[in-house]
Amino acid sequence: MRKITIIALHHKLQWRDTDAGDLESLLTKVLDADPSIELIAEEANKLSTTVGQGIAFRFNKPWANVDMLLHKTPSMRGFCALL
């Protein structure tokens, strides 16, 4: 059975982990515990690289950028995302 796990993060954390490496450690534990994970996907627009992308490479998993922005208007205060 396929499953999707969504982790909401600030883009700064995606790009540069905490000094303790908390995000890298968490993702490594998840992938070690469940080798059936087939893909790492995240919204990483305008980021040169991410912690998740590095983990995907290390575990030989495909990585994809998912643009979750549906539309943006000047009057909009935030972004709309469809999950």
Protein backbone atom coordinates (compact mmCIF):
# COMPACT_ATOMS: atom_id res chain seq x y z
CA MET A 1 0.00 0.00 0.00
CA ARG A 2 1.35 3.40 -0.94
CA LYS A 3 1.31 6.20 1.56
CA ILE A 4 2.11 9.89 1.62
CA THR A 5 3.73 11.59 4.57
CA ILE A 6 3.62 15.36 4.66
CA ILE A 7 6.02 17.31 6.84
CA ALA A 8 5.53 21.08 6.85
CA LEU A 9 8.77 23.00 7.22
CA HIS A 10 10.07 26.50 6.92
CA HIS A 11 12.13 26.79 3.72
CA LYS A 12 15.15 27.96 5.71
CA LEU A 13 15.18 24.64 7.58
CA GLN A 14 14.83 22.71 4.31
CA TRP A 15 17.88 24.47 2.91
CA ARG A 16 20.06 24.54 6.02
CA ASP A 17 19.32 22.06 8.79
CA THR A 18 19.71 22.90 12.47
CA ASP A 19 23.23 22.79 13.88
CA ALA A 20 22.36 19.44 15.46
CA GLY A 21 21.22 17.99 12.12
CA ASP A 22 17.71 17.27 13.37
CA LEU A 23 16.00 17.16 9.96
CA GLU A 24 18.67 14.96 8.40
CA SER A 25 18.48 12.62 11.38
CA LEU A 26 14.68 12.42 11.21
CA LEU A 27 14.62 11.72 7.45
CA THR A 28 17.38 9.13 7.76
CA LYS A 29 15.47 7.30 10.51
CA VAL A 30 12.27 7.32 8.43
CA LEU A 31 14.04 5.91 5.36
CA ASP A 32 15.95 3.32 7.40
CA ALA A 33 12.71 2.16 9.04
CA ASP A 34 10.72 1.95 5.81
CA PRO A 35 12.76 0.91 2.76
CA SER A 36 9.56 0.79 0.66
CA ILE A 37 9.59 4.60 0.39
CA GLU A 38 9.95 5.27 -3.31
CA LEU A 39 10.22 9.05 -3.63
CA ILE A 40 11.21 12.16 -1.70
CA ALA A 41 9.13 15.17 -2.79
CA GLU A 42 9.01 18.64 -1.33
CA GLU A 43 8.20 22.19 -2.23
CA ALA A 44 11.63 23.68 -2.73
CA ASN A 45 11.05 26.51 -5.17
CA LYS A 46 14.02 28.89 -5.43
CA LEU A 47 16.18 26.71 -3.16
CA SER A 48 19.48 25.61 -4.67
CA THR A 49 19.47 22.34 -2.73
CA THR A 50 17.72 20.88 0.30
CA VAL A 51 18.39 18.47 3.13
CA GLY A 52 15.74 16.18 1.64
CA GLN A 53 17.40 16.26 -1.75
CA GLY A 54 20.71 15.22 -0.20
CA ILE A 55 19.05 12.39 1.71
CA ALA A 56 17.29 11.20 -1.46
CA PHE A 57 20.64 11.09 -3.26
CA ARG A 58 22.28 9.22 -0.37
CA PHE A 59 19.50 6.61 -0.31
CA ASN A 60 19.36 6.40 -4.13
CA LYS A 61 15.73 7.58 -4.21
CA PRO A 62 14.24 9.93 -6.79
CA TRP A 63 13.61 13.50 -5.64
CA ALA A 64 10.96 15.88 -6.98
CA ASN A 65 10.06 19.51 -6.44
CA VAL A 66 6.31 19.96 -5.96
CA ASP A 67 4.97 23.45 -6.55
CA MET A 68 2.05 23.76 -4.15
CA LEU A 69 1.08 27.29 -5.21
CA LEU A 70 -2.27 27.29 -7.00
CA HIS A 71 -2.56 31.02 -7.56
CA LYS A 72 -1.40 34.31 -6.17
CA THR A 73 -3.12 37.66 -6.42
CA PRO A 74 -2.14 41.05 -4.99
CA SER A 75 -5.10 40.95 -2.60
CA MET A 76 -4.20 37.53 -1.29
CA ARG A 77 -2.53 37.45 2.12
CA GLY A 78 -1.17 33.95 1.78
CA PHE A 79 -0.83 31.10 -0.62
CA CYS A 80 -3.37 28.42 -1.47
CA ALA A 81 -2.20 24.83 -1.52
CA LEU A 82 -4.02 21.70 -2.49
CA LEU A 83 -2.83 18.56 -0.76
